[in-house]
C-alpha atoms as a PDB file:
ATOM      1  CA  LYS A   1     -85.573  78.118 135.936  1.00  0.00           C
ATOM      2  CA  ILE A   2     -81.841  78.112 135.014  1.00  0.00           C
ATOM      3  CA  ALA A   3     -80.468  81.373 135.146  1.00  0.00           C
ATOM      4  CA  ALA A   4     -77.845  80.799 132.608  1.00  0.00           C
ATOM      5  CA  GLY A   5     -77.961  80.033 128.807  1.00  0.00           C
ATOM      6  CA  VAL A   6     -78.563  76.610 127.895  1.00  0.00           C
ATOM      7  CA  PHE A   7     -76.142  74.582 125.605  1.00  0.00           C
ATOM      8  CA  VAL A   8     -77.007  71.317 124.491  1.00  0.00           C
ATOM      9  CA  GLY A   9     -74.230  69.294 122.618  1.00  0.00           C
ATOM     10  CA  SER A  10     -70.759  68.199 122.685  1.00  0.00           C
ATOM     11  CA  LEU A  11     -67.812  70.377 124.096  1.00  0.00           C
ATOM     12  CA  TYR A  12     -65.130  69.821 121.586  1.00  0.00           C
ATOM     13  CA  PRO A  13     -62.584  72.870 121.212  1.00  0.00           C
ATOM     14  CA  PRO A  14     -63.055  75.559 121.069  1.00  0.00           C
ATOM     15  CA  ARG A  15     -66.591  75.127 122.644  1.00  0.00           C
ATOM     16  CA  ASP A  16     -65.211  74.149 125.793  1.00  0.00           C
ATOM     17  CA  ARG A  17     -63.066  77.349 126.367  1.00  0.00           C
ATOM     18  CA  TRP A  18     -66.298  79.518 125.608  1.00  0.00           C
ATOM     19  CA  VAL A  19     -68.320  77.375 128.354  1.00  0.00           C
ATOM     20  CA  TRP A  20     -65.327  77.736 130.725  1.00  0.00           C
ATOM     21  CA  ASP A  21     -64.724  81.327 130.125  1.00  0.00           C
ATOM     22  CA  LEU A  22     -68.126  82.325 130.391  1.00  0.00           C
ATOM     23  CA  ASP A  23     -68.612  80.211 133.766  1.00  0.00           C
ATOM     24  CA  GLY A  24     -71.954  80.571 135.269  1.00  0.00           C
ATOM     25  CA  LEU A  25     -73.398  82.263 132.223  1.00  0.00           C
ATOM     26  CA  ILE A  26     -73.787  78.866 130.085  1.00  0.00           C
ATOM     27  CA  ASP A  27     -75.010  75.768 131.559  1.00  0.00           C
ATOM     28  CA  ARG A  28     -74.248  72.616 129.446  1.00  0.00           C
ATOM     29  CA  VAL A  29     -76.779  70.057 129.675  1.00  0.00           C
ATOM     30  CA  GLU A  30     -76.900  66.415 128.470  1.00  0.00           C
ATOM     31  CA  SER A  31     -79.026  65.353 125.611  1.00  0.00           C
ATOM     32  CA  PRO A  32     -81.741  63.415 126.611  1.00  0.00           C
ATOM     33  CA  GLU A  33     -80.766  60.563 124.220  1.00  0.00           C
ATOM     34  CA  SER A  34     -77.439  59.831 125.998  1.00  0.00           C
ATOM     35  CA  ASP A  35     -76.861  57.538 128.732  1.00  0.00           C
ATOM     36  CA  VAL A  36     -80.239  56.166 129.609  1.00  0.00           C
ATOM     37  CA  PHE A  37     -82.057  56.485 126.288  1.00  0.00           C
ATOM     38  CA  HIS A  38     -79.123  55.466 124.192  1.00  0.00           C
ATOM     39  CA  TRP A  39     -78.938  52.259 126.328  1.00  0.00           C
ATOM     40  CA  LEU A  40     -82.951  51.754 125.926  1.00  0.00           C
ATOM     41  CA  PHE A  41     -82.557  52.329 121.920  1.00  0.00           C
ATOM     42  CA  GLU A  42     -79.737  49.656 122.090  1.00  0.00           C
ATOM     43  CA  ARG A  43     -81.999  46.999 124.099  1.00  0.00           C
ATOM     44  CA  SER A  44     -85.044  47.772 121.718  1.00  0.00           C
ATOM     45  CA  HIS A  45     -82.925  46.869 118.655  1.00  0.00           C
ATOM     46  CA  GLU A  46     -81.580  43.748 120.256  1.00  0.00           C
ATOM     47  CA  TRP A  47     -85.111  42.759 121.375  1.00  0.00           C
ATOM     48  CA  ILE A  48     -86.671  43.296 117.875  1.00  0.00           C
ATOM     49  CA  GLN A  49     -84.064  41.231 116.407  1.00  0.00           C
ATOM     50  CA  ARG A  50     -84.568  38.271 118.625  1.00  0.00           C
ATOM     51  CA  ALA A  51     -88.785  38.618 118.128  1.00  0.00           C
ATOM     52  CA  PHE A  52     -88.253  38.699 114.591  1.00  0.00           C
ATOM     53  CA  ASP A  53     -85.942  35.593 114.636  1.00  0.00           C
ATOM     54  CA  ARG A  54     -88.693  33.939 116.640  1.00  0.00           C
ATOM     55  CA  ALA A  55     -91.617  35.233 114.458  1.00  0.00           C
ATOM     56  CA  ARG A  56     -89.977  33.970 111.159  1.00  0.00           C
ATOM     57  CA  GLU A  57     -89.915  30.460 112.775  1.00  0.00           C
ATOM     58  CA  ARG A  58     -93.707  30.790 113.277  1.00  0.00           C
ATOM     59  CA  ASP A  59     -95.399  32.727 110.563  1.00  0.00           C
ATOM     60  CA  PRO A  60     -95.688  36.137 108.817  1.00  0.00           C
ATOM     61  CA  TRP A  61     -98.414  37.181 111.208  1.00  0.00           C
ATOM     62  CA  TRP A  62     -96.210  37.284 114.190  1.00  0.00           C
ATOM     63  CA  SER A  63     -93.738  39.334 112.138  1.00  0.00           C
ATOM     64  CA  LYS A  64     -96.318  42.026 111.415  1.00  0.00           C
ATOM     65  CA  HIS A  65     -97.129  42.502 115.052  1.00  0.00           C
ATOM     66  CA  VAL A  66     -93.484  42.554 116.355  1.00  0.00           C
ATOM     67  CA  HIS A  67     -92.789  45.150 113.696  1.00  0.00           C
ATOM     68  CA  ARG A  68     -95.932  47.226 115.135  1.00  0.00           C
ATOM     69  CA  ALA A  69     -95.002  46.741 118.749  1.00  0.00           C
ATOM     70  CA  TYR A  70     -91.167  47.603 117.921  1.00  0.00           C
ATOM     71  CA  ASN A  71     -92.634  51.103 116.021  1.00  0.00           C
ATOM     72  CA  GLY A  72     -94.761  51.789 119.000  1.00  0.00           C
ATOM     73  CA  LEU A  73     -91.713  51.621 121.548  1.00  0.00           C
ATOM     74  CA  GLN A  74     -89.468  53.278 119.169  1.00  0.00           C
ATOM     75  CA  ARG A  75     -91.946  56.342 118.848  1.00  0.00           C
ATOM     76  CA  GLY A  76     -92.753  56.367 122.346  1.00  0.00           C
ATOM     77  CA  LEU A  77     -88.811  56.531 123.383  1.00  0.00           C
ATOM     78  CA  ARG A  78     -88.113  59.296 120.623  1.00  0.00           C
ATOM     79  CA  ARG A  79     -91.330  61.213 121.849  1.00  0.00           C
ATOM     80  CA  HIS A  80     -90.263  61.081 125.649  1.00  0.00           C
ATOM     81  CA  ALA A  81     -86.533  62.039 124.852  1.00  0.00           C
ATOM     82  CA  PHE A  82     -87.749  64.874 122.636  1.00  0.00           C
ATOM     83  CA  ARG A  83     -90.323  66.150 125.335  1.00  0.00           C
ATOM     84  CA  THR A  84     -87.345  65.927 127.873  1.00  0.00           C
ATOM     85  CA  PHE A  85     -85.012  68.003 125.389  1.00  0.00           C
ATOM     86  CA  LEU A  86     -87.791  70.787 125.295  1.00  0.00           C
ATOM     87  CA  GLU A  87     -88.442  70.866 128.839  1.00  0.00           C
ATOM     88  CA  THR A  88     -84.689  71.262 129.466  1.00  0.00           C
ATOM     89  CA  ILE A  89     -84.357  74.250 126.945  1.00  0.00           C
ATOM     90  CA  ARG A  90     -87.520  76.023 128.307  1.00  0.00           C
ATOM     91  CA  GLU A  91     -86.030  76.090 131.604  1.00  0.00           C
ATOM     92  CA  GLY A  92     -82.846  78.157 130.655  1.00  0.00           C
ATOM     93  CA  LEU A  93     -82.606  81.826 130.343  1.00  0.00           C
ATOM     94  CA  ALA A  94     -81.665  81.425 126.607  1.00  0.00           C
ATOM     95  CA  VAL A  95     -80.595  78.832 123.921  1.00  0.00           C
ATOM     96  CA  VAL A  96     -77.130  79.210 123.209  1.00  0.00           C
ATOM     97  CA  ASN A  97     -75.477  77.931 119.959  1.00  0.00           C
ATOM     98  CA  LEU A  98     -71.940  77.788 120.185  1.00  0.00           C
ATOM     99  CA  PRO A  99     -69.671  78.042 117.211  1.00  0.00           C
ATOM    100  CA  SER A 100     -69.629  74.808 115.437  1.00  0.00           C
ATOM    101  CA  MET A 101     -67.625  72.765 112.568  1.00  0.00           C
ATOM    102  CA  VAL A 102     -70.849  73.002 110.382  1.00  0.00           C
ATOM    103  CA  ARG A 103     -71.036  76.397 108.422  1.00  0.00           C
ATOM    104  CA  GLY A 104     -74.664  77.037 108.915  1.00  0.00           C
ATOM    105  CA  GLU A 105     -77.484  77.584 111.341  1.00  0.00           C
ATOM    106  CA  SER A 106     -77.684  74.277 113.777  1.00  0.00           C
ATOM    107  CA  GLY A 107     -80.894  72.955 114.331  1.00  0.00           C
ATOM    108  CA  ARG A 108     -80.709  74.170 118.100  1.00  0.00           C
ATOM    109  CA  VAL A 109     -81.478  77.758 116.747  1.00  0.00           C
ATOM    110  CA  VAL A 110     -84.739  76.472 115.463  1.00  0.00           C
ATOM    111  CA  GLU A 111     -85.432  74.233 118.405  1.00  0.00           C
ATOM    112  CA  GLY A 112     -84.775  77.040 120.704  1.00  0.00           C
ATOM    113  CA  ILE A 113     -87.137  79.497 118.905  1.00  0.00           C
ATOM    114  CA  ALA A 114     -89.919  76.747 118.515  1.00  0.00           C
ATOM    115  CA  ALA A 115     -89.654  76.160 122.116  1.00  0.00           C
ATOM    116  CA  GLY A 116     -90.144  79.890 122.790  1.00  0.00           C
ATOM    117  CA  ARG A 117     -86.713  80.780 124.032  1.00  0.00           C
ATOM    118  CA  PRO A 118     -84.563  83.426 123.050  1.00  0.00           C
ATOM    119  CA  VAL A 119     -81.481  82.372 121.151  1.00  0.00           C
ATOM    120  CA  VAL A 120     -77.924  83.685 121.399  1.00  0.00           C
ATOM    121  CA  THR A 121     -75.966  82.193 118.189  1.00  0.00           C
ATOM    122  CA  HIS A 122     -72.694  82.612 116.592  1.00  0.00           C
ATOM    123  CA  ARG A 123     -72.369  84.632 113.551  1.00  0.00           C
ATOM    124  CA  VAL A 124     -71.929  82.211 110.519  1.00  0.00           C
ATOM    125  CA  PRO A 125     -69.276  83.757 108.059  1.00  0.00           C
ATOM    126  CA  GLY A 126     -70.740  84.273 104.655  1.00  0.00           C
ATOM    127  CA  HIS A 127     -74.187  83.444 105.380  1.00  0.00           C
ATOM    128  CA  ALA A 128     -77.175  85.825 105.726  1.00  0.00           C
ATOM    129  CA  PRO A 129     -79.075  85.308 108.655  1.00  0.00           C
ATOM    130  CA  ILE A 130     -82.465  84.056 108.568  1.00  0.00           C
ATOM    131  CA  PHE A 131     -83.717  85.629 111.503  1.00  0.00           C
ATOM    132  CA  GLU A 132     -83.671  89.668 112.113  1.00  0.00           C
ATOM    133  CA  ALA A 133     -80.614  90.382 114.322  1.00  0.00           C
ATOM    134  CA  GLY A 134     -81.244  92.204 117.519  1.00  0.00           C
ATOM    135  CA  ARG A 135     -85.236  91.693 117.136  1.00  0.00           C
ATOM    136  CA  GLU A 136     -85.516  87.898 116.840  1.00  0.00           C
ATOM    137  CA  ILE A 137     -82.008  86.544 117.433  1.00  0.00           C
ATOM    138  CA  LEU A 138     -78.962  87.826 118.758  1.00  0.00           C
ATOM    139  CA  HIS A 139     -75.691  87.216 117.287  1.00  0.00           C
ATOM    140  CA  TYR A 140     -71.900  87.132 118.774  1.00  0.00           C
ATOM    141  CA  ASP A 141     -68.605  86.679 117.400  1.00  0.00           C
ATOM    142  CA  THR A 142     -66.484  86.965 120.587  1.00  0.00           C
ATOM    143  CA  ALA A 143     -67.061  85.210 124.163  1.00  0.00           C
ATOM    144  CA  GLU A 144     -67.049  88.720 125.420  1.00  0.00           C
ATOM    145  CA  GLU A 145     -70.499  89.537 122.991  1.00  0.00           C
ATOM    146  CA  LEU A 146     -71.874  86.440 124.069  1.00  0.00           C
ATOM    147  CA  GLY A 147     -71.378  86.902 127.718  1.00  0.00           C
ATOM    148  CA  GLU A 148     -73.038  90.688 127.282  1.00  0.00           C
ATOM    149  CA  HIS A 149     -76.108  89.130 125.437  1.00  0.00           C
ATOM    150  CA  LEU A 150     -76.560  86.597 128.311  1.00  0.00           C
ATOM    151  CA  ARG A 151     -76.116  89.288 131.098  1.00  0.00           C
ATOM    152  CA  ARG A 152     -78.612  91.657 129.167  1.00  0.00           C
ATOM    153  CA  LEU A 153     -81.212  88.978 128.865  1.00  0.00           C
ATOM    154  CA  LYS A 154     -80.976  88.317 132.521  1.00  0.00           C
ATOM    155  CA  ALA A 155     -81.152  92.023 133.461  1.00  0.00           C
ATOM    156  CA  GLU A 156     -84.075  92.507 131.074  1.00  0.00           C
ATOM    157  CA  PRO A 157     -86.679  89.577 131.078  1.00  0.00           C
ATOM    158  CA  LEU A 158     -89.348  91.442 129.222  1.00  0.00           C
ATOM    159  CA  SER A 159     -86.654  92.105 126.215  1.00  0.00           C
ATOM    160  CA  ALA A 160     -85.642  88.373 126.534  1.00  0.00           C
ATOM    161  CA  THR A 161     -89.507  87.577 126.112  1.00  0.00           C
ATOM    162  CA  ALA A 162     -89.916  90.014 123.347  1.00  0.00           C
ATOM    163  CA  ILE A 163     -87.104  88.583 121.182  1.00  0.00           C
ATOM    164  CA  ALA A 164     -88.619  85.140 121.880  1.00  0.00           C
ATOM    165  CA  VAL A 165     -92.051  85.940 120.783  1.00  0.00           C
ATOM    166  CA  ARG A 166     -90.957  87.825 117.764  1.00  0.00           C
ATOM    167  CA  ALA A 167     -88.696  84.983 116.469  1.00  0.00           C
ATOM    168  CA  ARG A 168     -91.406  82.467 116.919  1.00  0.00           C
ATOM    169  CA  ALA A 169     -93.768  84.382 114.907  1.00  0.00           C
ATOM    170  CA  ALA A 170     -91.104  84.805 112.031  1.00  0.00           C
ATOM    171  CA  LEU A 171     -90.550  80.822 112.510  1.00  0.00           C
ATOM    172  CA  LEU A 172     -94.227  80.156 111.898  1.00  0.00           C
ATOM    173  CA  ALA A 173     -94.629  82.636 109.238  1.00  0.00           C
ATOM    174  CA  HIS A 174     -91.640  81.848 107.074  1.00  0.00           C
ATOM    175  CA  HIS A 175     -89.769  78.687 108.027  1.00  0.00           C
ATOM    176  CA  THR A 176     -92.265  75.968 108.334  1.00  0.00           C
ATOM    177  CA  VAL A 177     -92.373  72.572 106.530  1.00  0.00           C
ATOM    178  CA  GLU A 178     -94.950  73.707 104.090  1.00  0.00           C
ATOM    179  CA  THR A 179     -92.985  77.071 103.385  1.00  0.00           C
ATOM    180  CA  ARG A 180     -89.864  75.250 102.755  1.00  0.00           C
ATOM    181  CA  THR A 181     -91.642  72.509 100.593  1.00  0.00           C
ATOM    182  CA  GLN A 182     -93.314  74.894  98.524  1.00  0.00           C
ATOM    183  CA  GLN A 183     -89.915  76.894  98.143  1.00  0.00           C
ATOM    184  CA  LEU A 184     -88.140  73.798  97.049  1.00  0.00           C
ATOM    185  CA  LEU A 185     -91.303  72.872  94.617  1.00  0.00           C
ATOM    186  CA  ASP A 186     -90.811  76.474  92.972  1.00  0.00           C
ATOM    187  CA  PHE A 187     -87.295  76.010  92.652  1.00  0.00           C
ATOM    188  CA  THR A 188     -87.552  72.760  90.795  1.00  0.00           C
ATOM    189  CA  GLU A 189     -90.422  74.012  88.667  1.00  0.00           C
ATOM    190  CA  GLY A 190     -88.077  77.047  87.854  1.00  0.00           C
ATOM    191  CA  ALA A 191     -90.774  79.373  89.227  1.00  0.00           C
ATOM    192  CA  ASP A 192     -90.063  82.599  90.372  1.00  0.00           C
ATOM    193  CA  GLY A 193     -89.650  82.821  94.238  1.00  0.00           C
END
């Protein structure tokens, strides 16, 4: 286990300062799709283009099989990259969502909760939280608050587990693809909800 909060993402300003200021409390990890996976994705695109060019010279039957092989390769690469990502965030004390240029919740929040980790995220100005603060998720406004949350989670592992369990239950009860799809259908059809 990593005895620090895990942050997966780019360190542009002011994120870089937050990580440096909280040295030892936040561990930035590379996305599994960087470097090796990026190289594999690029090579697979080059491979498929050459294979399609050769298949077109033969007949349509070959093109269909080349396309299937390519899709299988892409699915396998993405599955492996995502598994590696989940294993990485599950090893951390918590998933940390640092301030972003995006004015909404990052996918990092939902991914961390789905992976069964407590999430510590910056408070998004003007947006009501979708998880209950203090019970399902921890919010912060300053580096000091972020540090306090991480130190508390480290000192109180049962509390960290309880937050993660409640958040995951809320995610599964209210924030699934099925729930969001139904809400969208209700909205477009003018139903109350």
